[in-house]
Amino acid sequence: MKAVFITYNQALTERIMAMLDDNGVRGFTKWGLTEGRGSRDGEPHYGTHAWPAMNASILAVVEDAKVAPMLEALRKIDEAARMQGVRAFVWTIDEQM
């Protein structure tokens, strides 16, 4: 099992949710408003007057086989919306109850 943490501009929420559905990911936890700033480029997402955009974040625990297709779909979303930004991180899950 793997944990996939996805953080993205909230304007991309419909695309991200469709990606989860397309990849058979039913269970996840979503944080609707998260702040952040990209490590390479892009504008900060702070929800302020100066930087009004906001991020959302999702954590999904999935079977190992689902990770590569999810990351590929996320890369395509990111390439189509570079300035909004999508990032994903994957961790190994040792145990689950």
N, C-alpha and C. Protein backbone atom coordinates (compact mmCIF):
# COMPACT_ATOMS: atom_id res chain seq x y z
N MET A 1 0.84 -1.18 0.00
CA MET A 1 0.00 0.00 0.00
C MET A 1 0.89 1.24 0.00
N LYS A 2 0.37 2.28 -0.64
CA LYS A 2 1.07 3.56 -0.72
C LYS A 2 0.12 4.69 -0.32
N ALA A 3 0.68 5.72 0.29
CA ALA A 3 -0.06 6.95 0.56
C ALA A 3 0.36 7.94 -0.51
N VAL A 4 -0.63 8.52 -1.18
CA VAL A 4 -0.37 9.52 -2.20
C VAL A 4 -0.93 10.84 -1.68
N PHE A 5 -0.05 11.80 -1.45
CA PHE A 5 -0.45 13.14 -1.01
C PHE A 5 -0.41 14.05 -2.22
N ILE A 6 -1.54 14.65 -2.54
CA ILE A 6 -1.67 15.52 -3.71
C ILE A 6 -2.03 16.91 -3.22
N THR A 7 -1.28 17.90 -3.64
CA THR A 7 -1.64 19.28 -3.33
C THR A 7 -1.73 20.04 -4.64
N TYR A 8 -2.74 20.90 -4.75
CA TYR A 8 -3.06 21.50 -6.05
C TYR A 8 -3.86 22.78 -5.85
N ASN A 9 -3.82 23.66 -6.85
CA ASN A 9 -4.65 24.86 -6.84
C ASN A 9 -6.11 24.42 -6.82
N GLN A 10 -6.89 25.00 -5.93
CA GLN A 10 -8.27 24.56 -5.78
C GLN A 10 -9.10 24.73 -7.05
N ALA A 11 -8.63 25.54 -7.98
CA ALA A 11 -9.32 25.68 -9.27
C ALA A 11 -9.30 24.36 -10.05
N LEU A 12 -8.40 23.45 -9.69
CA LEU A 12 -8.28 22.17 -10.38
C LEU A 12 -9.07 21.04 -9.70
N THR A 13 -9.89 21.37 -8.73
CA THR A 13 -10.57 20.35 -7.94
C THR A 13 -11.37 19.37 -8.79
N GLU A 14 -12.14 19.85 -9.75
CA GLU A 14 -12.94 18.94 -10.58
C GLU A 14 -12.05 17.96 -11.34
N ARG A 15 -10.95 18.43 -11.87
CA ARG A 15 -10.03 17.55 -12.61
C ARG A 15 -9.39 16.51 -11.69
N ILE A 16 -9.02 16.94 -10.49
CA ILE A 16 -8.40 16.01 -9.54
C ILE A 16 -9.42 14.96 -9.11
N MET A 17 -10.63 15.38 -8.81
CA MET A 17 -11.67 14.42 -8.41
C MET A 17 -11.97 13.43 -9.53
N ALA A 18 -12.00 13.91 -10.77
CA ALA A 18 -12.22 13.02 -11.92
C ALA A 18 -11.06 12.03 -12.04
N MET A 19 -9.83 12.48 -11.80
CA MET A 19 -8.68 11.59 -11.86
C MET A 19 -8.80 10.48 -10.82
N LEU A 20 -9.25 10.82 -9.61
CA LEU A 20 -9.45 9.80 -8.58
C LEU A 20 -10.49 8.78 -9.04
N ASP A 21 -11.61 9.27 -9.55
CA ASP A 21 -12.66 8.37 -10.04
C ASP A 21 -12.15 7.49 -11.17
N ASP A 22 -11.44 8.08 -12.12
CA ASP A 22 -10.92 7.33 -13.28
C ASP A 22 -9.94 6.24 -12.85
N ASN A 23 -9.27 6.44 -11.73
CA ASN A 23 -8.30 5.47 -11.25
C ASN A 23 -8.84 4.56 -10.15
N GLY A 24 -10.14 4.61 -9.93
CA GLY A 24 -10.76 3.72 -8.96
C GLY A 24 -10.38 3.99 -7.52
N VAL A 25 -10.09 5.25 -7.21
CA VAL A 25 -9.73 5.62 -5.84
C VAL A 25 -10.98 6.15 -5.15
N ARG A 26 -11.53 5.34 -4.26
CA ARG A 26 -12.75 5.73 -3.57
C ARG A 26 -12.44 6.47 -2.27
N GLY A 27 -11.53 5.94 -1.47
CA GLY A 27 -11.26 6.51 -0.15
C GLY A 27 -10.15 7.55 -0.19
N PHE A 28 -10.38 8.67 0.48
CA PHE A 28 -9.37 9.72 0.59
C PHE A 28 -9.80 10.69 1.67
N THR A 29 -8.85 11.51 2.10
CA THR A 29 -9.13 12.63 3.00
C THR A 29 -8.75 13.89 2.25
N LYS A 30 -9.64 14.89 2.28
CA LYS A 30 -9.41 16.13 1.55
C LYS A 30 -9.42 17.31 2.51
N TRP A 31 -8.40 18.16 2.35
CA TRP A 31 -8.36 19.44 3.05
C TRP A 31 -8.71 20.49 2.01
N GLY A 32 -9.83 21.16 2.17
CA GLY A 32 -10.33 22.08 1.16
C GLY A 32 -9.53 23.34 0.99
N LEU A 33 -8.90 23.81 2.04
CA LEU A 33 -8.12 25.05 1.96
C LEU A 33 -6.75 24.82 2.61
N THR A 34 -5.72 24.79 1.78
CA THR A 34 -4.36 24.70 2.30
C THR A 34 -3.52 25.78 1.62
N GLU A 35 -2.62 26.35 2.37
CA GLU A 35 -1.75 27.39 1.83
C GLU A 35 -0.44 26.77 1.38
N GLY A 36 0.21 27.41 0.43
CA GLY A 36 1.51 26.91 0.01
C GLY A 36 2.18 27.78 -1.03
N ARG A 37 3.42 27.40 -1.30
CA ARG A 37 4.22 28.10 -2.30
C ARG A 37 5.10 27.05 -2.96
N GLY A 38 5.12 27.05 -4.27
CA GLY A 38 5.89 26.06 -5.02
C GLY A 38 7.38 26.15 -4.77
N SER A 39 8.05 25.02 -4.86
CA SER A 39 9.49 25.00 -4.61
C SER A 39 10.30 25.46 -5.82
N ARG A 40 9.67 25.45 -7.02
CA ARG A 40 10.40 25.84 -8.23
C ARG A 40 9.89 27.14 -8.82
N ASP A 41 8.61 27.25 -8.99
CA ASP A 41 8.05 28.44 -9.63
C ASP A 41 6.58 28.57 -9.25
N GLY A 42 5.88 29.44 -9.92
CA GLY A 42 4.47 29.66 -9.61
C GLY A 42 4.29 30.67 -8.50
N GLU A 43 3.10 31.19 -8.42
CA GLU A 43 2.79 32.18 -7.40
C GLU A 43 2.38 31.52 -6.10
N PRO A 44 2.61 32.19 -4.96
CA PRO A 44 2.15 31.65 -3.68
C PRO A 44 0.62 31.55 -3.66
N HIS A 45 0.12 30.63 -2.90
CA HIS A 45 -1.32 30.45 -2.69
C HIS A 45 -1.58 30.61 -1.20
N TYR A 46 -1.86 31.86 -0.80
CA TYR A 46 -2.01 32.19 0.62
C TYR A 46 -3.43 32.63 1.01
N GLY A 47 -4.30 32.84 0.05
CA GLY A 47 -5.64 33.31 0.37
C GLY A 47 -5.67 34.73 0.92
N THR A 48 -4.67 35.55 0.55
CA THR A 48 -4.60 36.92 1.03
C THR A 48 -4.98 37.88 -0.10
N HIS A 49 -5.06 39.16 0.24
CA HIS A 49 -5.34 40.15 -0.79
C HIS A 49 -4.25 40.15 -1.86
N ALA A 50 -3.01 40.06 -1.43
CA ALA A 50 -1.89 40.07 -2.38
C ALA A 50 -1.76 38.76 -3.16
N TRP A 51 -2.04 37.64 -2.50
CA TRP A 51 -1.93 36.32 -3.11
C TRP A 51 -3.23 35.55 -2.84
N PRO A 52 -4.30 35.83 -3.60
CA PRO A 52 -5.63 35.31 -3.27
C PRO A 52 -5.87 33.84 -3.56
N ALA A 53 -5.09 33.21 -4.40
CA ALA A 53 -5.34 31.79 -4.73
C ALA A 53 -5.14 30.92 -3.49
N MET A 54 -5.80 29.76 -3.47
CA MET A 54 -5.64 28.79 -2.39
C MET A 54 -5.43 27.41 -2.99
N ASN A 55 -4.81 26.56 -2.23
CA ASN A 55 -4.64 25.16 -2.60
C ASN A 55 -5.67 24.32 -1.89
N ALA A 56 -5.79 23.09 -2.36
CA ALA A 56 -6.50 22.02 -1.65
C ALA A 56 -5.52 20.85 -1.63
N SER A 57 -5.73 19.92 -0.71
CA SER A 57 -4.85 18.76 -0.61
C SER A 57 -5.65 17.51 -0.36
N ILE A 58 -5.16 16.40 -0.88
CA ILE A 58 -5.82 15.10 -0.73
C ILE A 58 -4.78 14.08 -0.32
N LEU A 59 -5.16 13.20 0.60
CA LEU A 59 -4.34 12.05 0.97
C LEU A 59 -5.17 10.81 0.69
N ALA A 60 -4.64 9.95 -0.17
CA ALA A 60 -5.32 8.69 -0.51
C ALA A 60 -4.35 7.55 -0.28
N VAL A 61 -4.81 6.48 0.34
CA VAL A 61 -4.02 5.26 0.50
C VAL A 61 -4.54 4.27 -0.52
N VAL A 62 -3.63 3.84 -1.41
CA VAL A 62 -4.04 3.02 -2.55
C VAL A 62 -3.11 1.81 -2.70
N GLU A 63 -3.56 0.86 -3.50
CA GLU A 63 -2.73 -0.29 -3.85
C GLU A 63 -1.54 0.20 -4.68
N ASP A 64 -0.42 -0.47 -4.56
CA ASP A 64 0.80 -0.07 -5.26
C ASP A 64 0.58 0.11 -6.77
N ALA A 65 -0.20 -0.77 -7.37
CA ALA A 65 -0.42 -0.74 -8.82
C ALA A 65 -1.13 0.53 -9.29
N LYS A 66 -1.82 1.22 -8.40
CA LYS A 66 -2.55 2.43 -8.80
C LYS A 66 -1.68 3.68 -8.83
N VAL A 67 -0.50 3.62 -8.21
CA VAL A 67 0.33 4.81 -8.06
C VAL A 67 0.81 5.35 -9.41
N ALA A 68 1.41 4.52 -10.24
CA ALA A 68 1.96 5.00 -11.51
C ALA A 68 0.89 5.62 -12.41
N PRO A 69 -0.28 5.00 -12.58
CA PRO A 69 -1.31 5.65 -13.40
C PRO A 69 -1.80 6.97 -12.81
N MET A 70 -1.89 7.04 -11.49
CA MET A 70 -2.30 8.30 -10.85
C MET A 70 -1.27 9.39 -11.12
N LEU A 71 0.01 9.07 -10.93
CA LEU A 71 1.05 10.07 -11.14
C LEU A 71 1.10 10.53 -12.59
N GLU A 72 0.89 9.62 -13.52
CA GLU A 72 0.86 10.00 -14.93
C GLU A 72 -0.30 10.95 -15.22
N ALA A 73 -1.47 10.64 -14.68
CA ALA A 73 -2.63 11.51 -14.87
C ALA A 73 -2.39 12.88 -14.23
N LEU A 74 -1.76 12.91 -13.07
CA LEU A 74 -1.46 14.17 -12.41
C LEU A 74 -0.45 14.99 -13.20
N ARG A 75 0.54 14.32 -13.81
CA ARG A 75 1.50 15.04 -14.66
C ARG A 75 0.79 15.72 -15.83
N LYS A 76 -0.17 15.04 -16.41
CA LYS A 76 -0.91 15.62 -17.53
C LYS A 76 -1.73 16.82 -17.08
N ILE A 77 -2.35 16.73 -15.91
CA ILE A 77 -3.11 17.87 -15.38
C ILE A 77 -2.16 19.04 -15.14
N ASP A 78 -1.00 18.76 -14.55
CA ASP A 78 -0.03 19.82 -14.25
C ASP A 78 0.49 20.46 -15.53
N GLU A 79 0.77 19.67 -16.55
CA GLU A 79 1.27 20.22 -17.81
C GLU A 79 0.24 21.12 -18.48
N ALA A 80 -1.03 20.79 -18.32
CA ALA A 80 -2.10 21.58 -18.94
C ALA A 80 -2.41 22.86 -18.14
N ALA A 81 -1.97 22.90 -16.88
CA ALA A 81 -2.29 24.05 -16.02
C ALA A 81 -1.07 24.41 -15.18
N ARG A 82 0.04 24.68 -15.84
CA ARG A 82 1.32 24.94 -15.16
C ARG A 82 1.24 26.00 -14.07
N MET A 83 0.58 27.10 -14.34
CA MET A 83 0.55 28.19 -13.36
C MET A 83 -0.30 27.86 -12.13
N GLN A 84 -1.27 26.96 -12.27
CA GLN A 84 -2.05 26.56 -11.09
C GLN A 84 -1.24 25.62 -10.21
N GLY A 85 -0.63 24.64 -10.82
CA GLY A 85 0.27 23.75 -10.09
C GLY A 85 -0.39 22.55 -9.43
N VAL A 86 0.27 21.41 -9.60
CA VAL A 86 -0.10 20.15 -8.95
C VAL A 86 1.20 19.50 -8.51
N ARG A 87 1.23 19.01 -7.28
CA ARG A 87 2.36 18.24 -6.79
C ARG A 87 1.82 17.00 -6.10
N ALA A 88 2.58 15.91 -6.20
CA ALA A 88 2.19 14.67 -5.54
C ALA A 88 3.42 14.03 -4.90
N PHE A 89 3.21 13.41 -3.76
CA PHE A 89 4.27 12.75 -3.01
C PHE A 89 3.75 11.39 -2.59
N VAL A 90 4.62 10.39 -2.60
CA VAL A 90 4.19 9.01 -2.31
C VAL A 90 5.02 8.45 -1.16
N TRP A 91 4.33 7.83 -0.20
CA TRP A 91 4.97 7.17 0.92
C TRP A 91 4.51 5.71 0.98
N THR A 92 5.37 4.86 1.49
CA THR A 92 5.00 3.47 1.73
C THR A 92 4.24 3.38 3.05
N ILE A 93 3.17 2.62 3.03
CA ILE A 93 2.36 2.39 4.23
C ILE A 93 2.73 1.01 4.77
N ASP A 94 3.22 0.95 6.00
CA ASP A 94 3.65 -0.31 6.60
C ASP A 94 2.49 -1.11 7.17
N GLU A 95 1.51 -0.41 7.73
CA GLU A 95 0.38 -1.09 8.34
C GLU A 95 -0.89 -0.29 8.12
N GLN A 96 -1.99 -1.00 8.17
CA GLN A 96 -3.30 -0.37 8.02
C GLN A 96 -4.28 -1.17 8.85
N MET A 97 -5.25 -0.50 9.48
CA MET A 97 -6.25 -1.25 10.25
C MET A 97 -7.61 -1.11 9.65
